[in-house]
């Protein structure tokens, strides 16, 4: 992969169970990927601080890290889910 090459990521947002295609460069932060996915799944800006990101089953604790820092490969799947569980009534 060359520097700056776009990666095509699949991000599932559990609130809507939509999978959103996000194109990101290696220098794109995980927080930016999350914001793009939330906007794509809901059609509006969402308070992204209320959501977390998982990659390969692990919580991404520092969303300032870039796609390149985490060695996220082209075509990888990420999950965006609420940081707090919602009660079921």
PDB file of N, CA and C in Angstrom:
ATOM      1  N   UNK A   1       0.854  -1.169   0.000  1.00  0.00           N
ATOM      2  CA  UNK A   1       0.000   0.000   0.000  1.00  0.00           C
ATOM      3  C   UNK A   1       0.896   1.226   0.000  1.00  0.00           C
ATOM      4  N   UNK A   2       0.602   2.188  -0.833  1.00  0.00           N
ATOM      5  CA  UNK A   2       1.380   3.419  -0.869  1.00  0.00           C
ATOM      6  C   UNK A   2       0.840   4.398   0.148  1.00  0.00           C
ATOM      7  N   UNK A   3       1.694   5.306   0.558  1.00  0.00           N
ATOM      8  CA  UNK A   3       1.266   6.310   1.537  1.00  0.00           C
ATOM      9  C   UNK A   3       0.132   7.135   0.964  1.00  0.00           C
ATOM     10  N   UNK A   4      -0.907   7.311   1.730  1.00  0.00           N
ATOM     11  CA  UNK A   4      -2.043   8.120   1.302  1.00  0.00           C
ATOM     12  C   UNK A   4      -3.080   7.360   0.494  1.00  0.00           C
ATOM     13  N   UNK A   5      -2.841   6.082   0.218  1.00  0.00           N
ATOM     14  CA  UNK A   5      -3.809   5.305  -0.550  1.00  0.00           C
ATOM     15  C   UNK A   5      -5.079   5.122   0.267  1.00  0.00           C
ATOM     16  N   UNK A   6      -6.213   5.267  -0.404  1.00  0.00           N
ATOM     17  CA  UNK A   6      -7.495   5.142   0.295  1.00  0.00           C
ATOM     18  C   UNK A   6      -7.789   3.684   0.621  1.00  0.00           C
ATOM     19  N   UNK A   7      -8.269   3.468   1.836  1.00  0.00           N
ATOM     20  CA  UNK A   7      -8.716   2.154   2.271  1.00  0.00           C
ATOM     21  C   UNK A   7     -10.231   2.159   2.279  1.00  0.00           C
ATOM     22  N   UNK A   8     -10.810   1.070   1.869  1.00  0.00           N
ATOM     23  CA  UNK A   8     -12.259   0.942   1.836  1.00  0.00           C
ATOM     24  C   UNK A   8     -12.668   0.089   3.034  1.00  0.00           C
ATOM     25  N   UNK A   9     -13.288   0.732   4.025  1.00  0.00           N
ATOM     26  CA  UNK A   9     -13.670   0.058   5.261  1.00  0.00           C
ATOM     27  C   UNK A   9     -15.176  -0.166   5.298  1.00  0.00           C
ATOM     28  N   UNK A  10     -15.580  -1.237   5.985  1.00  0.00           N
ATOM     29  CA  UNK A  10     -16.999  -1.524   6.202  1.00  0.00           C
ATOM     30  C   UNK A  10     -17.266  -1.315   7.687  1.00  0.00           C
ATOM     31  N   UNK A  11     -18.142  -0.373   7.993  1.00  0.00           N
ATOM     32  CA  UNK A  11     -18.412  -0.048   9.391  1.00  0.00           C
ATOM     33  C   UNK A  11     -19.889  -0.318   9.670  1.00  0.00           C
ATOM     34  N   UNK A  12     -20.152  -1.224  10.604  1.00  0.00           N
ATOM     35  CA  UNK A  12     -21.521  -1.540  11.001  1.00  0.00           C
ATOM     36  C   UNK A  12     -21.888  -0.693  12.207  1.00  0.00           C
ATOM     37  N   UNK A  13     -22.999   0.022  12.100  1.00  0.00           N
ATOM     38  CA  UNK A  13     -23.520   0.835  13.198  1.00  0.00           C
ATOM     39  C   UNK A  13     -24.690   0.061  13.791  1.00  0.00           C
ATOM     40  N   UNK A  14     -24.536  -0.371  15.048  1.00  0.00           N
ATOM     41  CA  UNK A  14     -25.537  -1.276  15.626  1.00  0.00           C
ATOM     42  C   UNK A  14     -26.875  -0.609  15.918  1.00  0.00           C
ATOM     43  N   UNK A  15     -26.906   0.710  16.060  1.00  0.00           N
ATOM     44  CA  UNK A  15     -28.190   1.381  16.294  1.00  0.00           C
ATOM     45  C   UNK A  15     -29.153   1.167  15.133  1.00  0.00           C
ATOM     46  N   UNK A  16     -28.619   1.106  13.918  1.00  0.00           N
ATOM     47  CA  UNK A  16     -29.459   0.945  12.735  1.00  0.00           C
ATOM     48  C   UNK A  16     -29.214  -0.386  12.025  1.00  0.00           C
ATOM     49  N   UNK A  17     -28.194  -1.112  12.434  1.00  0.00           N
ATOM     50  CA  UNK A  17     -27.733  -2.335  11.797  1.00  0.00           C
ATOM     51  C   UNK A  17     -27.463  -2.127  10.317  1.00  0.00           C
ATOM     52  N   UNK A  18     -26.973  -0.935  10.000  1.00  0.00           N
ATOM     53  CA  UNK A  18     -26.543  -0.633   8.642  1.00  0.00           C
ATOM     54  C   UNK A  18     -25.034  -0.767   8.561  1.00  0.00           C
ATOM     55  N   UNK A  19     -24.574  -1.240   7.425  1.00  0.00           N
ATOM     56  CA  UNK A  19     -23.143  -1.265   7.162  1.00  0.00           C
ATOM     57  C   UNK A  19     -22.850  -0.135   6.194  1.00  0.00           C
ATOM     58  N   UNK A  20     -21.946   0.730   6.603  1.00  0.00           N
ATOM     59  CA  UNK A  20     -21.612   1.928   5.834  1.00  0.00           C
ATOM     60  C   UNK A  20     -20.214   1.762   5.262  1.00  0.00           C
ATOM     61  N   UNK A  21     -20.058   2.088   3.998  1.00  0.00           N
ATOM     62  CA  UNK A  21     -18.736   2.077   3.372  1.00  0.00           C
ATOM     63  C   UNK A  21     -18.057   3.398   3.694  1.00  0.00           C
ATOM     64  N   UNK A  22     -16.866   3.318   4.254  1.00  0.00           N
ATOM     65  CA  UNK A  22     -16.099   4.518   4.599  1.00  0.00           C
ATOM     66  C   UNK A  22     -14.742   4.401   3.930  1.00  0.00           C
ATOM     67  N   UNK A  23     -14.395   5.414   3.145  1.00  0.00           N
ATOM     68  CA  UNK A  23     -13.067   5.482   2.549  1.00  0.00           C
ATOM     69  C   UNK A  23     -12.201   6.327   3.454  1.00  0.00           C
ATOM     70  N   UNK A  24     -11.055   5.789   3.839  1.00  0.00           N
ATOM     71  CA  UNK A  24     -10.179   6.478   4.779  1.00  0.00           C
ATOM     72  C   UNK A  24      -8.731   6.266   4.363  1.00  0.00           C
ATOM     73  N   UNK A  25      -7.940   7.279   4.598  1.00  0.00           N
ATOM     74  CA  UNK A  25      -6.506   7.155   4.367  1.00  0.00           C
ATOM     75  C   UNK A  25      -5.840   6.627   5.620  1.00  0.00           C
ATOM     76  N   UNK A  26      -4.596   6.232   5.530  1.00  0.00           N
ATOM     77  CA  UNK A  26      -3.887   5.720   6.694  1.00  0.00           C
ATOM     78  C   UNK A  26      -3.728   6.755   7.804  1.00  0.00           C
ATOM     79  N   UNK A  27      -3.853   8.028   7.458  1.00  0.00           N
ATOM     80  CA  UNK A  27      -3.717   9.086   8.462  1.00  0.00           C
ATOM     81  C   UNK A  27      -5.058   9.550   9.030  1.00  0.00           C
ATOM     82  N   UNK A  28      -6.148   8.876   8.682  1.00  0.00           N
ATOM     83  CA  UNK A  28      -7.478   9.203   9.197  1.00  0.00           C
ATOM     84  C   UNK A  28      -7.638   8.613  10.593  1.00  0.00           C
ATOM     85  N   UNK A  29      -8.105   9.420  11.533  1.00  0.00           N
ATOM     86  CA  UNK A  29      -8.283   8.920  12.899  1.00  0.00           C
ATOM     87  C   UNK A  29      -9.504   8.003  12.975  1.00  0.00           C
ATOM     88  N   UNK A  30      -9.481   7.132  13.954  1.00  0.00           N
ATOM     89  CA  UNK A  30     -10.613   6.238  14.189  1.00  0.00           C
ATOM     90  C   UNK A  30     -11.853   7.059  14.543  1.00  0.00           C
ATOM     91  N   UNK A  31     -11.670   8.172  15.249  1.00  0.00           N
ATOM     92  CA  UNK A  31     -12.794   9.051  15.591  1.00  0.00           C
ATOM     93  C   UNK A  31     -13.451   9.606  14.327  1.00  0.00           C
ATOM     94  N   UNK A  32     -12.652   9.952  13.317  1.00  0.00           N
ATOM     95  CA  UNK A  32     -13.218  10.451  12.058  1.00  0.00           C
ATOM     96  C   UNK A  32     -13.985   9.350  11.323  1.00  0.00           C
ATOM     97  N   UNK A  33     -13.453   8.141  11.339  1.00  0.00           N
ATOM     98  CA  UNK A  33     -14.156   7.014  10.718  1.00  0.00           C
ATOM     99  C   UNK A  33     -15.500   6.806  11.412  1.00  0.00           C
ATOM    100  N   UNK A  34     -15.499   6.880  12.736  1.00  0.00           N
ATOM    101  CA  UNK A  34     -16.735   6.702  13.514  1.00  0.00           C
ATOM    102  C   UNK A  34     -17.753   7.788  13.155  1.00  0.00           C
ATOM    103  N   UNK A  35     -17.314   9.037  13.094  1.00  0.00           N
ATOM    104  CA  UNK A  35     -18.230  10.136  12.738  1.00  0.00           C
ATOM    105  C   UNK A  35     -18.831   9.935  11.353  1.00  0.00           C
ATOM    106  N   UNK A  36     -18.002   9.540  10.389  1.00  0.00           N
ATOM    107  CA  UNK A  36     -18.503   9.309   9.031  1.00  0.00           C
ATOM    108  C   UNK A  36     -19.523   8.176   9.004  1.00  0.00           C
ATOM    109  N   UNK A  37     -19.248   7.118   9.743  1.00  0.00           N
ATOM    110  CA  UNK A  37     -20.164   5.972   9.768  1.00  0.00           C
ATOM    111  C   UNK A  37     -21.489   6.345  10.422  1.00  0.00           C
ATOM    112  N   UNK A  38     -21.429   7.066  11.529  1.00  0.00           N
ATOM    113  CA  UNK A  38     -22.669   7.476  12.203  1.00  0.00           C
ATOM    114  C   UNK A  38     -23.492   8.398  11.312  1.00  0.00           C
ATOM    115  N   UNK A  39     -22.842   9.325  10.655  1.00  0.00           N
ATOM    116  CA  UNK A  39     -23.556  10.238   9.750  1.00  0.00           C
ATOM    117  C   UNK A  39     -24.166   9.461   8.581  1.00  0.00           C
ATOM    118  N   UNK A  40     -23.423   8.501   8.047  1.00  0.00           N
ATOM    119  CA  UNK A  40     -23.921   7.704   6.924  1.00  0.00           C
ATOM    120  C   UNK A  40     -25.071   6.797   7.309  1.00  0.00           C
ATOM    121  N   UNK A  41     -25.036   6.249   8.508  1.00  0.00           N
ATOM    122  CA  UNK A  41     -26.086   5.311   8.937  1.00  0.00           C
ATOM    123  C   UNK A  41     -27.353   6.018   9.379  1.00  0.00           C
ATOM    124  N   UNK A  42     -27.203   7.196  10.004  1.00  0.00           N
ATOM    125  CA  UNK A  42     -28.378   7.875  10.540  1.00  0.00           C
ATOM    126  C   UNK A  42     -28.859   9.015   9.659  1.00  0.00           C
ATOM    127  N   UNK A  43     -28.009   9.497   8.761  1.00  0.00           N
ATOM    128  CA  UNK A  43     -28.388  10.604   7.898  1.00  0.00           C
ATOM    129  C   UNK A  43     -28.315  11.965   8.573  1.00  0.00           C
ATOM    130  N   UNK A  44     -27.729  12.007   9.763  1.00  0.00           N
ATOM    131  CA  UNK A  44     -27.614  13.275  10.489  1.00  0.00           C
ATOM    132  C   UNK A  44     -26.403  13.210  11.405  1.00  0.00           C
ATOM    133  N   UNK A  45     -25.898  14.360  11.825  1.00  0.00           N
ATOM    134  CA  UNK A  45     -24.804  14.343  12.797  1.00  0.00           C
ATOM    135  C   UNK A  45     -25.278  13.767  14.132  1.00  0.00           C
ATOM    136  N   UNK A  46     -24.467  12.952  14.760  1.00  0.00           N
ATOM    137  CA  UNK A  46     -24.804  12.299  16.027  1.00  0.00           C
ATOM    138  C   UNK A  46     -23.683  12.587  17.019  1.00  0.00           C
ATOM    139  N   UNK A  47     -24.021  12.654  18.292  1.00  0.00           N
ATOM    140  CA  UNK A  47     -23.006  12.859  19.332  1.00  0.00           C
ATOM    141  C   UNK A  47     -22.102  11.623  19.368  1.00  0.00           C
ATOM    142  N   UNK A  48     -20.988  11.690  18.680  1.00  0.00           N
ATOM    143  CA  UNK A  48     -20.137  10.513  18.535  1.00  0.00           C
ATOM    144  C   UNK A  48     -19.480  10.092  19.844  1.00  0.00           C
ATOM    145  N   UNK A  49     -19.444  10.972  20.838  1.00  0.00           N
ATOM    146  CA  UNK A  49     -18.866  10.622  22.125  1.00  0.00           C
ATOM    147  C   UNK A  49     -19.659   9.564  22.877  1.00  0.00           C
ATOM    148  N   UNK A  50     -20.885   9.328  22.451  1.00  0.00           N
ATOM    149  CA  UNK A  50     -21.730   8.324  23.091  1.00  0.00           C
ATOM    150  C   UNK A  50     -21.567   6.939  22.464  1.00  0.00           C
ATOM    151  N   UNK A  51     -20.599   6.811  21.558  1.00  0.00           N
ATOM    152  CA  UNK A  51     -20.373   5.560  20.845  1.00  0.00           C
ATOM    153  C   UNK A  51     -18.913   5.149  20.949  1.00  0.00           C
ATOM    154  N   UNK A  52     -18.669   3.851  20.823  1.00  0.00           N
ATOM    155  CA  UNK A  52     -17.319   3.305  20.817  1.00  0.00           C
ATOM    156  C   UNK A  52     -17.116   2.509  19.529  1.00  0.00           C
ATOM    157  N   UNK A  53     -15.857   2.206  19.253  1.00  0.00           N
ATOM    158  CA  UNK A  53     -15.504   1.462  18.046  1.00  0.00           C
ATOM    159  C   UNK A  53     -14.802   0.173  18.453  1.00  0.00           C
ATOM    160  N   UNK A  54     -15.156  -0.908  17.768  1.00  0.00           N
ATOM    161  CA  UNK A  54     -14.465  -2.173  17.953  1.00  0.00           C
ATOM    162  C   UNK A  54     -13.838  -2.586  16.623  1.00  0.00           C
ATOM    163  N   UNK A  55     -12.622  -3.113  16.733  1.00  0.00           N
ATOM    164  CA  UNK A  55     -11.913  -3.654  15.578  1.00  0.00           C
ATOM    165  C   UNK A  55     -11.356  -5.008  15.978  1.00  0.00           C
ATOM    166  N   UNK A  56     -11.689  -6.033  15.210  1.00  0.00           N
ATOM    167  CA  UNK A  56     -11.295  -7.412  15.504  1.00  0.00           C
ATOM    168  C   UNK A  56     -11.725  -7.835  16.905  1.00  0.00           C
ATOM    169  N   UNK A  57     -12.905  -7.379  17.319  1.00  0.00           N
ATOM    170  CA  UNK A  57     -13.475  -7.772  18.598  1.00  0.00           C
ATOM    171  C   UNK A  57     -12.964  -6.997  19.797  1.00  0.00           C
ATOM    172  N   UNK A  58     -12.006  -6.110  19.576  1.00  0.00           N
ATOM    173  CA  UNK A  58     -11.423  -5.344  20.679  1.00  0.00           C
ATOM    174  C   UNK A  58     -11.851  -3.890  20.615  1.00  0.00           C
ATOM    175  N   UNK A  59     -12.110  -3.342  21.774  1.00  0.00           N
ATOM    176  CA  UNK A  59     -12.472  -1.934  21.881  1.00  0.00           C
ATOM    177  C   UNK A  59     -11.263  -1.079  21.548  1.00  0.00           C
ATOM    178  N   UNK A  60     -11.460  -0.074  20.705  1.00  0.00           N
ATOM    179  CA  UNK A  60     -10.400   0.882  20.405  1.00  0.00           C
ATOM    180  C   UNK A  60     -10.443   1.944  21.499  1.00  0.00           C
ATOM    181  N   UNK A  61      -9.479   1.900  22.401  1.00  0.00           N
ATOM    182  CA  UNK A  61      -9.495   2.782  23.561  1.00  0.00           C
ATOM    183  C   UNK A  61      -9.082   4.213  23.225  1.00  0.00           C
ATOM    184  N   UNK A  62      -8.173   4.390  22.292  1.00  0.00           N
ATOM    185  CA  UNK A  62      -7.708   5.720  21.910  1.00  0.00           C
ATOM    186  C   UNK A  62      -8.115   5.986  20.470  1.00  0.00           C
ATOM    187  N   UNK A  63      -9.224   6.689  20.295  1.00  0.00           N
ATOM    188  CA  UNK A  63      -9.747   6.944  18.954  1.00  0.00           C
ATOM    189  C   UNK A  63      -8.971   8.018  18.218  1.00  0.00           C
ATOM    190  N   UNK A  64      -7.959   8.603  18.866  1.00  0.00           N
ATOM    191  CA  UNK A  64      -7.077   9.547  18.170  1.00  0.00           C
ATOM    192  C   UNK A  64      -6.082   8.799  17.295  1.00  0.00           C
ATOM    193  N   UNK A  65      -5.923   7.521  17.550  1.00  0.00           N
ATOM    194  CA  UNK A  65      -5.030   6.707  16.718  1.00  0.00           C
ATOM    195  C   UNK A  65      -5.586   6.663  15.303  1.00  0.00           C
ATOM    196  N   UNK A  66      -4.676   6.526  14.361  1.00  0.00           N
ATOM    197  CA  UNK A  66      -5.085   6.511  12.963  1.00  0.00           C
ATOM    198  C   UNK A  66      -5.298   5.082  12.479  1.00  0.00           C
ATOM    199  N   UNK A  67      -5.896   4.998  11.318  1.00  0.00           N
ATOM    200  CA  UNK A  67      -6.106   3.705  10.670  1.00  0.00           C
ATOM    201  C   UNK A  67      -4.753   3.030  10.454  1.00  0.00           C
ATOM    202  N   UNK A  68      -3.755   3.811  10.093  1.00  0.00           N
ATOM    203  CA  UNK A  68      -2.408   3.263   9.895  1.00  0.00           C
ATOM    204  C   UNK A  68      -1.772   2.806  11.193  1.00  0.00           C
ATOM    205  N   UNK A  69      -1.980   3.556  12.280  1.00  0.00           N
ATOM    206  CA  UNK A  69      -1.428   3.169  13.585  1.00  0.00           C
ATOM    207  C   UNK A  69      -1.922   1.791  14.010  1.00  0.00           C
ATOM    208  N   UNK A  70      -3.191   1.507  13.728  1.00  0.00           N
ATOM    209  CA  UNK A  70      -3.794   0.230  14.127  1.00  0.00           C
ATOM    210  C   UNK A  70      -3.631  -0.855  13.070  1.00  0.00           C
ATOM    211  N   UNK A  71      -2.966  -0.527  11.965  1.00  0.00           N
ATOM    212  CA  UNK A  71      -2.745  -1.470  10.863  1.00  0.00           C
ATOM    213  C   UNK A  71      -4.057  -2.078  10.367  1.00  0.00           C
ATOM    214  N   UNK A  72      -5.054  -1.223  10.230  1.00  0.00           N
ATOM    215  CA  UNK A  72      -6.347  -1.688   9.714  1.00  0.00           C
ATOM    216  C   UNK A  72      -6.210  -1.889   8.210  1.00  0.00           C
ATOM    217  N   UNK A  73      -6.453  -3.091   7.724  1.00  0.00           N
ATOM    218  CA  UNK A  73      -6.252  -3.367   6.295  1.00  0.00           C
ATOM    219  C   UNK A  73      -7.433  -2.928   5.437  1.00  0.00           C
ATOM    220  N   UNK A  74      -7.189  -2.840   4.152  1.00  0.00           N
ATOM    221  CA  UNK A  74      -8.238  -2.523   3.195  1.00  0.00           C
ATOM    222  C   UNK A  74      -9.329  -3.591   3.278  1.00  0.00           C
ATOM    223  N   UNK A  75     -10.591  -3.156   3.305  1.00  0.00           N
ATOM    224  CA  UNK A  75     -11.723  -4.076   3.366  1.00  0.00           C
ATOM    225  C   UNK A  75     -12.083  -4.540   4.764  1.00  0.00           C
ATOM    226  N   UNK A  76     -11.412  -4.011   5.774  1.00  0.00           N
ATOM    227  CA  UNK A  76     -11.662  -4.434   7.156  1.00  0.00           C
ATOM    228  C   UNK A  76     -13.055  -4.019   7.613  1.00  0.00           C
ATOM    229  N   UNK A  77     -13.560  -4.748   8.601  1.00  0.00           N
ATOM    230  CA  UNK A  77     -14.868  -4.451   9.190  1.00  0.00           C
ATOM    231  C   UNK A  77     -14.670  -3.905  10.595  1.00  0.00           C
ATOM    232  N   UNK A  78     -15.355  -2.817  10.893  1.00  0.00           N
ATOM    233  CA  UNK A  78     -15.362  -2.228  12.226  1.00  0.00           C
ATOM    234  C   UNK A  78     -16.804  -2.156  12.694  1.00  0.00           C
ATOM    235  N   UNK A  79     -16.988  -2.025  13.998  1.00  0.00           N
ATOM    236  CA  UNK A  79     -18.332  -1.920  14.562  1.00  0.00           C
ATOM    237  C   UNK A  79     -18.393  -0.675  15.423  1.00  0.00           C
ATOM    238  N   UNK A  80     -19.459   0.099  15.245  1.00  0.00           N
ATOM    239  CA  UNK A  80     -19.727   1.267  16.083  1.00  0.00           C
ATOM    240  C   UNK A  80     -20.965   0.943  16.902  1.00  0.00           C
ATOM    241  N   UNK A  81     -20.822   1.014  18.233  1.00  0.00           N
ATOM    242  CA  UNK A  81     -21.945   0.692  19.100  1.00  0.00           C
ATOM    243  C   UNK A  81     -22.015   1.674  20.264  1.00  0.00           C
ATOM    244  N   UNK A  82     -23.188   1.793  20.867  1.00  0.00           N
ATOM    245  CA  UNK A  82     -23.328   2.719  21.994  1.00  0.00           C
ATOM    246  C   UNK A  82     -22.367   2.353  23.118  1.00  0.00           C
ATOM    247  N   UNK A  83     -21.832   3.381  23.768  1.00  0.00           N
ATOM    248  CA  UNK A  83     -20.896   3.120  24.859  1.00  0.00           C
ATOM    249  C   UNK A  83     -21.612   2.615  26.102  1.00  0.00           C
ATOM    250  N   UNK A  84     -22.900   2.873  26.203  1.00  0.00           N
ATOM    251  CA  UNK A  84     -23.699   2.381  27.329  1.00  0.00           C
ATOM    252  C   UNK A  84     -24.798   1.502  26.782  1.00  0.00           C
ATOM    253  N   UNK A  85     -25.111   0.477  27.519  1.00  0.00           N
ATOM    254  CA  UNK A  85     -26.171  -0.435  27.101  1.00  0.00           C
ATOM    255  C   UNK A  85     -27.528   0.251  27.319  1.00  0.00           C
ATOM    256  N   UNK A  86     -28.436  -0.005  26.412  1.00  0.00           N
ATOM    257  CA  UNK A  86     -29.780   0.553  26.511  1.00  0.00           C
ATOM    258  C   UNK A  86     -30.685  -0.448  27.214  1.00  0.00           C
ATOM    259  N   UNK A  87     -31.493   0.014  28.146  1.00  0.00           N
ATOM    260  CA  UNK A  87     -32.404  -0.905  28.817  1.00  0.00           C
ATOM    261  C   UNK A  87     -33.486  -1.397  27.868  1.00  0.00           C
ATOM    262  N   UNK A  88     -33.885  -2.620  28.042  1.00  0.00           N
ATOM    263  CA  UNK A  88     -34.959  -3.195  27.247  1.00  0.00           C
ATOM    264  C   UNK A  88     -36.219  -3.159  28.100  1.00  0.00           C
ATOM    265  N   UNK A  89     -37.254  -2.624  27.544  1.00  0.00           N
ATOM    266  CA  UNK A  89     -38.522  -2.513  28.273  1.00  0.00           C
ATOM    267  C   UNK A  89     -39.557  -3.396  27.698  1.00  0.00           C
TER     268      UNK A  89
END
